[in-house]
Amino acid sequence: GISRISASGGSTNYADSVKGRFTISRDNAKNTIYL
């Protein structure tokens, strides 16, 4: 598991192996999540 984002997008989590390099986000209008 490397990242997680809450339903609202207000909370994110990252594994140490990717922290600072990867960013998770979401666009609920497009029903799509990005990494």
Full PDB file with SEQRES, HELIX, SHEET, SSBOND, CRYST1, ORIGX, SCALE, CONECT and MASTER records, all heavy atoms in Angstrom:
SEQRES   1 A   35  GLY ILE SER ARG ILE SER ALA SER GLY GLY SER THR ASN          
SEQRES   2 A   35  TYR ALA ASP SER VAL LYS GLY ARG PHE THR ILE SER ARG          
SEQRES   3 A   35  ASP ASN ALA LYS ASN THR ILE TYR LEU                          
SHEET    1 AA1 2 SER A   3  ILE A   5  0                                        
SHEET    2 AA1 2 THR A  12  TYR A  14 -1                                        
SHEET    1 AA2 2 SER A  25  ASP A  27  0                                        
SHEET    2 AA2 2 THR A  32  TYR A  34 -1                                        
CRYST1    1.000    1.000    1.000  90.00  90.00  90.00 P 1           1          
ORIGX1      1.000000  0.000000  0.000000        0.00000                         
ORIGX2      0.000000  1.000000  0.000000        0.00000                         
ORIGX3      0.000000  0.000000  1.000000        0.00000                         
SCALE1      1.000000  0.000000  0.000000        0.00000                         
SCALE2      0.000000  1.000000  0.000000        0.00000                         
SCALE3      0.000000  0.000000  1.000000        0.00000                         
ATOM      1  N   GLY A   1       0.841  -1.181   0.000  1.00  0.00           N  
ATOM      2  CA  GLY A   1       0.000   0.000   0.000  1.00  0.00           C  
ATOM      3  C   GLY A   1       0.878   1.234   0.000  1.00  0.00           C  
ATOM      4  O   GLY A   1       1.749   1.371   0.871  1.00  0.00           O  
ATOM      5  N   ILE A   2       0.684   2.136  -0.959  1.00  0.00           N  
ATOM      6  CA  ILE A   2       1.574   3.282  -1.049  1.00  0.00           C  
ATOM      7  C   ILE A   2       0.884   4.606  -0.794  1.00  0.00           C  
ATOM      8  O   ILE A   2       1.551   5.587  -0.417  1.00  0.00           O  
ATOM      9  CB  ILE A   2       2.316   3.327  -2.400  1.00  0.00           C  
ATOM     10  CG1 ILE A   2       1.333   3.349  -3.580  1.00  0.00           C  
ATOM     11  CG2 ILE A   2       3.294   2.176  -2.518  1.00  0.00           C  
ATOM     12  CD1 ILE A   2       1.999   3.582  -4.916  1.00  0.00           C  
ATOM     13  N   SER A   3      -0.437   4.668  -0.969  1.00  0.00           N  
ATOM     14  CA  SER A   3      -1.120   5.928  -0.718  1.00  0.00           C  
ATOM     15  C   SER A   3      -2.603   5.684  -0.594  1.00  0.00           C  
ATOM     16  O   SER A   3      -3.150   4.715  -1.109  1.00  0.00           O  
ATOM     17  CB  SER A   3      -0.844   6.927  -1.845  1.00  0.00           C  
ATOM     18  OG  SER A   3      -1.355   8.201  -1.518  1.00  0.00           O  
ATOM     19  N   ARG A   4      -3.250   6.615   0.111  1.00  0.00           N  
ATOM     20  CA  ARG A   4      -4.693   6.562   0.285  1.00  0.00           C  
ATOM     21  C   ARG A   4      -5.221   7.972   0.398  1.00  0.00           C  
ATOM     22  O   ARG A   4      -4.548   8.865   0.929  1.00  0.00           O  
ATOM     23  CB  ARG A   4      -5.033   5.732   1.537  1.00  0.00           C  
ATOM     24  CG  ARG A   4      -6.484   5.861   2.054  1.00  0.00           C  
ATOM     25  CD  ARG A   4      -6.530   6.800   3.229  1.00  0.00           C  
ATOM     26  NE  ARG A   4      -7.861   7.031   3.751  1.00  0.00           N  
ATOM     27  CZ  ARG A   4      -8.163   8.050   4.556  1.00  0.00           C  
ATOM     28  NH1 ARG A   4      -7.237   8.913   4.918  1.00  0.00           N  
ATOM     29  NH2 ARG A   4      -9.391   8.220   4.994  1.00  0.00           N  
ATOM     30  N   ILE A   5      -6.452   8.184  -0.127  1.00  0.00           N  
ATOM     31  CA  ILE A   5      -7.106   9.481  -0.023  1.00  0.00           C  
ATOM     32  C   ILE A   5      -8.517   9.272   0.468  1.00  0.00           C  
ATOM     33  O   ILE A   5      -9.189   8.305   0.089  1.00  0.00           O  
ATOM     34  CB  ILE A   5      -7.076  10.225  -1.377  1.00  0.00           C  
ATOM     35  CG1 ILE A   5      -7.553  11.662  -1.225  1.00  0.00           C  
ATOM     36  CG2 ILE A   5      -7.883   9.486  -2.448  1.00  0.00           C  
ATOM     37  CD1 ILE A   5      -7.242  12.552  -2.440  1.00  0.00           C  
ATOM     38  N   SER A   6      -8.970  10.151   1.335  1.00  0.00           N  
ATOM     39  CA  SER A   6     -10.313  10.046   1.884  1.00  0.00           C  
ATOM     40  C   SER A   6     -11.356  10.407   0.829  1.00  0.00           C  
ATOM     41  O   SER A   6     -11.032  10.918  -0.239  1.00  0.00           O  
ATOM     42  CB  SER A   6     -10.456  10.959   3.101  1.00  0.00           C  
ATOM     43  OG  SER A   6     -10.309  12.314   2.704  1.00  0.00           O  
ATOM     44  N   ALA A   7     -12.625  10.156   1.172  1.00  0.00           N  
ATOM     45  CA  ALA A   7     -13.709  10.416   0.226  1.00  0.00           C  
ATOM     46  C   ALA A   7     -13.770  11.894  -0.166  1.00  0.00           C  
ATOM     47  O   ALA A   7     -14.028  12.230  -1.326  1.00  0.00           O  
ATOM     48  CB  ALA A   7     -15.040   9.973   0.822  1.00  0.00           C  
ATOM     49  N   SER A   8     -13.519  12.768   0.774  1.00  0.00           N  
ATOM     50  CA  SER A   8     -13.578  14.199   0.492  1.00  0.00           C  
ATOM     51  C   SER A   8     -12.308  14.726  -0.147  1.00  0.00           C  
ATOM     52  O   SER A   8     -12.284  15.825  -0.697  1.00  0.00           O  
ATOM     53  CB  SER A   8     -13.822  14.973   1.792  1.00  0.00           C  
ATOM     54  OG  SER A   8     -12.685  14.877   2.636  1.00  0.00           O  
ATOM     55  N   GLY A   9     -11.237  13.949  -0.043  1.00  0.00           N  
ATOM     56  CA  GLY A   9      -9.938  14.413  -0.518  1.00  0.00           C  
ATOM     57  C   GLY A   9      -9.168  15.194   0.510  1.00  0.00           C  
ATOM     58  O   GLY A   9      -8.034  15.612   0.268  1.00  0.00           O  
ATOM     59  N   GLY A  10      -9.755  15.370   1.692  1.00  0.00           N  
ATOM     60  CA  GLY A  10      -9.105  16.192   2.700  1.00  0.00           C  
ATOM     61  C   GLY A  10      -8.029  15.494   3.505  1.00  0.00           C  
ATOM     62  O   GLY A  10      -7.266  16.140   4.220  1.00  0.00           O  
ATOM     63  N   SER A  11      -7.960  14.195   3.404  1.00  0.00           N  
ATOM     64  CA  SER A  11      -6.979  13.412   4.166  1.00  0.00           C  
ATOM     65  C   SER A  11      -6.238  12.478   3.222  1.00  0.00           C  
ATOM     66  O   SER A  11      -6.863  11.775   2.420  1.00  0.00           O  
ATOM     67  CB  SER A  11      -7.699  12.603   5.245  1.00  0.00           C  
ATOM     68  OG  SER A  11      -6.827  11.686   5.865  1.00  0.00           O  
ATOM     69  N   THR A  12      -4.928  12.493   3.338  1.00  0.00           N  
ATOM     70  CA  THR A  12      -4.108  11.599   2.507  1.00  0.00           C  
ATOM     71  C   THR A  12      -3.066  10.900   3.375  1.00  0.00           C  
ATOM     72  O   THR A  12      -2.683  11.392   4.446  1.00  0.00           O  
ATOM     73  CB  THR A  12      -3.389  12.372   1.394  1.00  0.00           C  
ATOM     74  OG1 THR A  12      -2.576  13.399   1.967  1.00  0.00           O  
ATOM     75  CG2 THR A  12      -4.384  12.992   0.423  1.00  0.00           C  
ATOM     76  N   ASN A  13      -2.621   9.764   2.889  1.00  0.00           N  
ATOM     77  CA  ASN A  13      -1.586   8.992   3.581  1.00  0.00           C  
ATOM     78  C   ASN A  13      -0.597   8.460   2.549  1.00  0.00           C  
ATOM     79  O   ASN A  13      -0.977   8.184   1.409  1.00  0.00           O  
ATOM     80  CB  ASN A  13      -2.189   7.799   4.330  1.00  0.00           C  
ATOM     81  CG  ASN A  13      -3.284   8.198   5.276  1.00  0.00           C  
ATOM     82  OD1 ASN A  13      -4.456   8.182   4.919  1.00  0.00           O  
ATOM     83  ND2 ASN A  13      -2.914   8.580   6.485  1.00  0.00           N  
ATOM     84  N   TYR A  14       0.653   8.315   2.982  1.00  0.00           N  
ATOM     85  CA  TYR A  14       1.686   7.824   2.082  1.00  0.00           C  
ATOM     86  C   TYR A  14       2.604   6.855   2.819  1.00  0.00           C  
ATOM     87  O   TYR A  14       2.910   7.042   4.000  1.00  0.00           O  
ATOM     88  CB  TYR A  14       2.538   8.978   1.547  1.00  0.00           C  
ATOM     89  CG  TYR A  14       1.772   9.959   0.707  1.00  0.00           C  
ATOM     90  CD1 TYR A  14       1.229  11.109   1.270  1.00  0.00           C  
ATOM     91  CD2 TYR A  14       1.577   9.733  -0.657  1.00  0.00           C  
ATOM     92  CE1 TYR A  14       0.511  12.007   0.501  1.00  0.00           C  
ATOM     93  CE2 TYR A  14       0.857  10.633  -1.438  1.00  0.00           C  
ATOM     94  CZ  TYR A  14       0.328  11.762  -0.841  1.00  0.00           C  
ATOM     95  OH  TYR A  14      -0.385  12.646  -1.606  1.00  0.00           O  
ATOM     96  N   ALA A  15       3.060   5.856   2.092  1.00  0.00           N  
ATOM     97  CA  ALA A  15       4.110   5.001   2.614  1.00  0.00           C  
ATOM     98  C   ALA A  15       5.424   5.781   2.617  1.00  0.00           C  
ATOM     99  O   ALA A  15       5.620   6.680   1.797  1.00  0.00           O  
ATOM    100  CB  ALA A  15       4.245   3.753   1.748  1.00  0.00           C  
ATOM    101  N   ASP A  16       6.306   5.419   3.530  1.00  0.00           N  
ATOM    102  CA  ASP A  16       7.589   6.104   3.611  1.00  0.00           C  
ATOM    103  C   ASP A  16       8.363   6.002   2.300  1.00  0.00           C  
ATOM    104  O   ASP A  16       9.117   6.914   1.948  1.00  0.00           O  
ATOM    105  CB  ASP A  16       8.426   5.509   4.744  1.00  0.00           C  
ATOM    106  CG  ASP A  16       7.907   5.894   6.114  1.00  0.00           C  
ATOM    107  OD1 ASP A  16       7.093   6.847   6.211  1.00  0.00           O  
ATOM    108  OD2 ASP A  16       8.289   5.248   7.090  1.00  0.00           O  
ATOM    109  N   SER A  17       8.171   4.920   1.586  1.00  0.00           N  
ATOM    110  CA  SER A  17       8.923   4.690   0.353  1.00  0.00           C  
ATOM    111  C   SER A  17       8.589   5.692  -0.752  1.00  0.00           C  
ATOM    112  O   SER A  17       9.382   5.854  -1.689  1.00  0.00           O  
ATOM    113  CB  SER A  17       8.671   3.258  -0.151  1.00  0.00           C  
ATOM    114  OG  SER A  17       7.284   3.044  -0.359  1.00  0.00           O  
ATOM    115  N   VAL A  18       7.441   6.361  -0.651  1.00  0.00           N  
ATOM    116  CA  VAL A  18       7.036   7.285  -1.720  1.00  0.00           C  
ATOM    117  C   VAL A  18       6.779   8.699  -1.205  1.00  0.00           C  
ATOM    118  O   VAL A  18       6.540   9.617  -2.001  1.00  0.00           O  
ATOM    119  CB  VAL A  18       5.781   6.786  -2.461  1.00  0.00           C  
ATOM    120  CG1 VAL A  18       6.002   5.367  -2.988  1.00  0.00           C  
ATOM    121  CG2 VAL A  18       4.552   6.850  -1.572  1.00  0.00           C  
ATOM    122  N   LYS A  19       6.835   8.890   0.097  1.00  0.00           N  
ATOM    123  CA  LYS A  19       6.511  10.183   0.680  1.00  0.00           C  
ATOM    124  C   LYS A  19       7.447  11.263   0.139  1.00  0.00           C  
ATOM    125  O   LYS A  19       8.658  11.065   0.054  1.00  0.00           O  
ATOM    126  CB  LYS A  19       6.622  10.105   2.207  1.00  0.00           C  
ATOM    127  CG  LYS A  19       5.950  11.218   2.964  1.00  0.00           C  
ATOM    128  CD  LYS A  19       5.974  10.936   4.465  1.00  0.00           C  
ATOM    129  CE  LYS A  19       5.140   9.740   4.830  1.00  0.00           C  
ATOM    130  NZ  LYS A  19       5.113   9.481   6.294  1.00  0.00           N  
ATOM    131  N   GLY A  20       6.865  12.378  -0.260  1.00  0.00           N  
ATOM    132  CA  GLY A  20       7.647  13.477  -0.808  1.00  0.00           C  
ATOM    133  C   GLY A  20       7.861  13.383  -2.305  1.00  0.00           C  
ATOM    134  O   GLY A  20       8.308  14.351  -2.934  1.00  0.00           O  
ATOM    135  N   ARG A  21       7.559  12.233  -2.890  1.00  0.00           N  
ATOM    136  CA  ARG A  21       7.728  12.059  -4.344  1.00  0.00           C  
ATOM    137  C   ARG A  21       6.394  11.832  -5.057  1.00  0.00           C  
ATOM    138  O   ARG A  21       6.242  12.232  -6.212  1.00  0.00           O  
ATOM    139  CB  ARG A  21       8.634  10.852  -4.618  1.00  0.00           C  
ATOM    140  CG  ARG A  21      10.031  10.981  -4.032  1.00  0.00           C  
ATOM    141  CD  ARG A  21      10.941   9.847  -4.501  1.00  0.00           C  
ATOM    142  NE  ARG A  21      10.455   8.530  -4.077  1.00  0.00           N  
ATOM    143  CZ  ARG A  21      10.188   7.533  -4.914  1.00  0.00           C  
ATOM    144  NH1 ARG A  21      10.345   7.691  -6.222  1.00  0.00           N  
ATOM    145  NH2 ARG A  21       9.762   6.357  -4.444  1.00  0.00           N  
ATOM    146  N   PHE A  22       5.460  11.183  -4.391  1.00  0.00           N  
ATOM    147  CA  PHE A  22       4.164  10.867  -4.985  1.00  0.00           C  
ATOM    148  C   PHE A  22       3.082  11.738  -4.346  1.00  0.00           C  
ATOM    149  O   PHE A  22       3.143  12.042  -3.151  1.00  0.00           O  
ATOM    150  CB  PHE A  22       3.798   9.409  -4.758  1.00  0.00           C  
ATOM    151  CG  PHE A  22       4.630   8.404  -5.518  1.00  0.00           C  
ATOM    152  CD1 PHE A  22       5.795   8.768  -6.194  1.00  0.00           C  
ATOM    153  CD2 PHE A  22       4.248   7.073  -5.552  1.00  0.00           C  
ATOM    154  CE1 PHE A  22       6.553   7.844  -6.877  1.00  0.00           C  
ATOM    155  CE2 PHE A  22       4.985   6.124  -6.234  1.00  0.00           C  
ATOM    156  CZ  PHE A  22       6.142   6.510  -6.894  1.00  0.00           C  
ATOM    157  N   THR A  23       2.074  12.083  -5.148  1.00  0.00           N  
ATOM    158  CA  THR A  23       0.942  12.859  -4.654  1.00  0.00           C  
ATOM    159  C   THR A  23      -0.350  12.250  -5.162  1.00  0.00           C  
ATOM    160  O   THR A  23      -0.514  12.061  -6.376  1.00  0.00           O  
ATOM    161  CB  THR A  23       1.020  14.318  -5.112  1.00  0.00           C  
ATOM    162  OG1 THR A  23       2.259  14.899  -4.669  1.00  0.00           O  
ATOM    163  CG2 THR A  23      -0.141  15.124  -4.535  1.00  0.00           C  
ATOM    164  N   ILE A  24      -1.239  11.945  -4.235  1.00  0.00           N  
ATOM    165  CA  ILE A  24      -2.550  11.408  -4.604  1.00  0.00           C  
ATOM    166  C   ILE A  24      -3.563  12.543  -4.597  1.00  0.00           C  
ATOM    167  O   ILE A  24      -3.498  13.456  -3.763  1.00  0.00           O  
ATOM    168  CB  ILE A  24      -2.965  10.277  -3.628  1.00  0.00           C  
ATOM    169  CG1 ILE A  24      -4.191   9.527  -4.137  1.00  0.00           C  
ATOM    170  CG2 ILE A  24      -3.187  10.809  -2.211  1.00  0.00           C  
ATOM    171  CD1 ILE A  24      -4.512   8.262  -3.337  1.00  0.00           C  
ATOM    172  N   SER A  25      -4.501  12.494  -5.539  1.00  0.00           N  
ATOM    173  CA  SER A  25      -5.552  13.513  -5.601  1.00  0.00           C  
ATOM    174  C   SER A  25      -6.785  12.880  -6.226  1.00  0.00           C  
ATOM    175  O   SER A  25      -6.737  11.760  -6.754  1.00  0.00           O  
ATOM    176  CB  SER A  25      -5.087  14.721  -6.415  1.00  0.00           C  
ATOM    177  OG  SER A  25      -4.796  14.351  -7.748  1.00  0.00           O  
ATOM    178  N   ARG A  26      -7.873  13.600  -6.156  1.00  0.00           N  
ATOM    179  CA  ARG A  26      -9.101  13.084  -6.727  1.00  0.00           C  
ATOM    180  C   ARG A  26      -9.938  14.195  -7.317  1.00  0.00           C  
ATOM    181  O   ARG A  26      -9.892  15.336  -6.842  1.00  0.00           O  
ATOM    182  CB  ARG A  26      -9.909  12.294  -5.687  1.00  0.00           C  
ATOM    183  CG  ARG A  26     -10.462  13.082  -4.535  1.00  0.00           C  
ATOM    184  CD  ARG A  26     -11.022  12.145  -3.452  1.00  0.00           C  
ATOM    185  NE  ARG A  26     -12.096  11.313  -3.968  1.00  0.00           N  
ATOM    186  CZ  ARG A  26     -12.444  10.140  -3.446  1.00  0.00           C  
ATOM    187  NH1 ARG A  26     -11.800   9.658  -2.401  1.00  0.00           N  
ATOM    188  NH2 ARG A  26     -13.438   9.447  -3.968  1.00  0.00           N  
ATOM    189  N   ASP A  27     -10.690  13.842  -8.344  1.00  0.00           N  
ATOM    190  CA  ASP A  27     -11.641  14.754  -8.973  1.00  0.00           C  
ATOM    191  C   ASP A  27     -12.966  13.999  -8.986  1.00  0.00           C  
ATOM    192  O   ASP A  27     -13.221  13.194  -9.894  1.00  0.00           O  
ATOM    193  CB  ASP A  27     -11.181  15.113 -10.378  1.00  0.00           C  
ATOM    194  CG  ASP A  27     -12.059  16.155 -11.036  1.00  0.00           C  
ATOM    195  OD1 ASP A  27     -13.232  16.310 -10.597  1.00  0.00           O  
ATOM    196  OD2 ASP A  27     -11.608  16.806 -11.985  1.00  0.00           O  
ATOM    197  N   ASN A  28     -13.780  14.253  -7.981  1.00  0.00           N  
ATOM    198  CA  ASN A  28     -15.036  13.501  -7.878  1.00  0.00           C  
ATOM    199  C   ASN A  28     -15.985  13.820  -9.026  1.00  0.00           C  
ATOM    200  O   ASN A  28     -16.805  12.981  -9.403  1.00  0.00           O  
ATOM    201  CB  ASN A  28     -15.698  13.762  -6.527  1.00  0.00           C  
ATOM    202  CG  ASN A  28     -15.006  13.017  -5.393  1.00  0.00           C  
ATOM    203  OD1 ASN A  28     -14.136  12.184  -5.619  1.00  0.00           O  
ATOM    204  ND2 ASN A  28     -15.386  13.324  -4.165  1.00  0.00           N  
ATOM    205  N   ALA A  29     -15.877  15.002  -9.585  1.00  0.00           N  
ATOM    206  CA  ALA A  29     -16.731  15.357 -10.729  1.00  0.00           C  
ATOM    207  C   ALA A  29     -16.432  14.453 -11.924  1.00  0.00           C  
ATOM    208  O   ALA A  29     -17.322  14.156 -12.731  1.00  0.00           O  
ATOM    209  CB  ALA A  29     -16.537  16.816 -11.100  1.00  0.00           C  
ATOM    210  N   LYS A  30     -15.166  14.022 -12.028  1.00  0.00           N  
ATOM    211  CA  LYS A  30     -14.764  13.135 -13.116  1.00  0.00           C  
ATOM    212  C   LYS A  30     -14.741  11.674 -12.683  1.00  0.00           C  
ATOM    213  O   LYS A  30     -14.389  10.809 -13.483  1.00  0.00           O  
ATOM    214  CB  LYS A  30     -13.388  13.537 -13.645  1.00  0.00           C  
ATOM    215  CG  LYS A  30     -13.368  14.904 -14.310  1.00  0.00           C  
ATOM    216  CD  LYS A  30     -11.989  15.222 -14.881  1.00  0.00           C  
ATOM    217  CE  LYS A  30     -11.998  16.576 -15.586  1.00  0.00           C  
ATOM    218  NZ  LYS A  30     -10.667  16.919 -16.143  1.00  0.00           N  
ATOM    219  N   ASN A  31     -15.063  11.455 -11.391  1.00  0.00           N  
ATOM    220  CA  ASN A  31     -15.056  10.085 -10.867  1.00  0.00           C  
ATOM    221  C   ASN A  31     -13.697   9.413 -11.079  1.00  0.00           C  
ATOM    222  O   ASN A  31     -13.606   8.233 -11.438  1.00  0.00           O  
ATOM    223  CB  ASN A  31     -16.155   9.240 -11.536  1.00  0.00           C  
ATOM    224  CG  ASN A  31     -16.842   8.294 -10.569  1.00  0.00           C  
ATOM    225  OD1 ASN A  31     -16.818   8.490  -9.353  1.00  0.00           O  
ATOM    226  ND2 ASN A  31     -17.457   7.254 -11.100  1.00  0.00           N  
ATOM    227  N   THR A  32     -12.653  10.182 -10.823  1.00  0.00           N  
ATOM    228  CA  THR A  32     -11.294   9.730 -11.136  1.00  0.00           C  
ATOM    229  C   THR A  32     -10.338  10.115 -10.016  1.00  0.00           C  
ATOM    230  O   THR A  32     -10.459  11.188  -9.418  1.00  0.00           O  
ATOM    231  CB  THR A  32     -10.813  10.352 -12.459  1.00  0.00           C  
ATOM    232  OG1 THR A  32     -11.707   9.971 -13.513  1.00  0.00           O  
ATOM    233  CG2 THR A  32      -9.412   9.877 -12.812  1.00  0.00           C  
ATOM    234  N   ILE A  33      -9.404   9.207  -9.767  1.00  0.00           N  
ATOM    235  CA  ILE A  33      -8.339   9.417  -8.787  1.00  0.00           C  
ATOM    236  C   ILE A  33      -7.013   9.453  -9.542  1.00  0.00           C  
ATOM    237  O   ILE A  33      -6.844   8.739 -10.535  1.00  0.00           O  
ATOM    238  CB  ILE A  33      -8.301   8.261  -7.764  1.00  0.00           C  
ATOM    239  CG1 ILE A  33      -9.684   7.977  -7.220  1.00  0.00           C  
ATOM    240  CG2 ILE A  33      -7.305   8.550  -6.648  1.00  0.00           C  
ATOM    241  CD1 ILE A  33     -10.307   9.118  -6.482  1.00  0.00           C  
ATOM    242  N   TYR A  34      -6.082  10.253  -9.050  1.00  0.00           N  
ATOM    243  CA  TYR A  34      -4.789  10.383  -9.710  1.00  0.00           C  
ATOM    244  C   TYR A  34      -3.657  10.065  -8.736  1.00  0.00           C  
ATOM    245  O   TYR A  34      -3.787  10.239  -7.530  1.00  0.00           O  
ATOM    246  CB  TYR A  34      -4.599  11.810 -10.225  1.00  0.00           C  
ATOM    247  CG  TYR A  34      -5.688  12.250 -11.160  1.00  0.00           C  
ATOM    248  CD1 TYR A  34      -6.731  13.049 -10.702  1.00  0.00           C  
ATOM    249  CD2 TYR A  34      -5.689  11.859 -12.502  1.00  0.00           C  
ATOM    250  CE1 TYR A  34      -7.750  13.452 -11.544  1.00  0.00           C  
ATOM    251  CE2 TYR A  34      -6.701  12.264 -13.356  1.00  0.00           C  
ATOM    252  CZ  TYR A  34      -7.728  13.049 -12.873  1.00  0.00           C  
ATOM    253  OH  TYR A  34      -8.728  13.440 -13.717  1.00  0.00           O  
ATOM    254  N   LEU A  35      -2.564   9.606  -9.308  1.00  0.00           N  
ATOM    255  CA  LEU A  35      -1.327   9.451  -8.543  1.00  0.00           C  
ATOM    256  C   LEU A  35      -0.210  10.062  -9.370  1.00  0.00           C  
ATOM    257  O   LEU A  35       0.190   9.509 -10.389  1.00  0.00           O  
ATOM    258  CB  LEU A  35      -1.031   7.979  -8.247  1.00  0.00           C  
ATOM    259  CG  LEU A  35       0.180   7.747  -7.338  1.00  0.00           C  
ATOM    260  CD1 LEU A  35      -0.122   8.243  -5.913  1.00  0.00           C  
ATOM    261  CD2 LEU A  35       0.592   6.279  -7.310  1.00  0.00           C  
TER     262      LEU A  35                                                      
MASTER        0    0    0    0    4    0    0    6  261    1    0    3          
END                                                                             
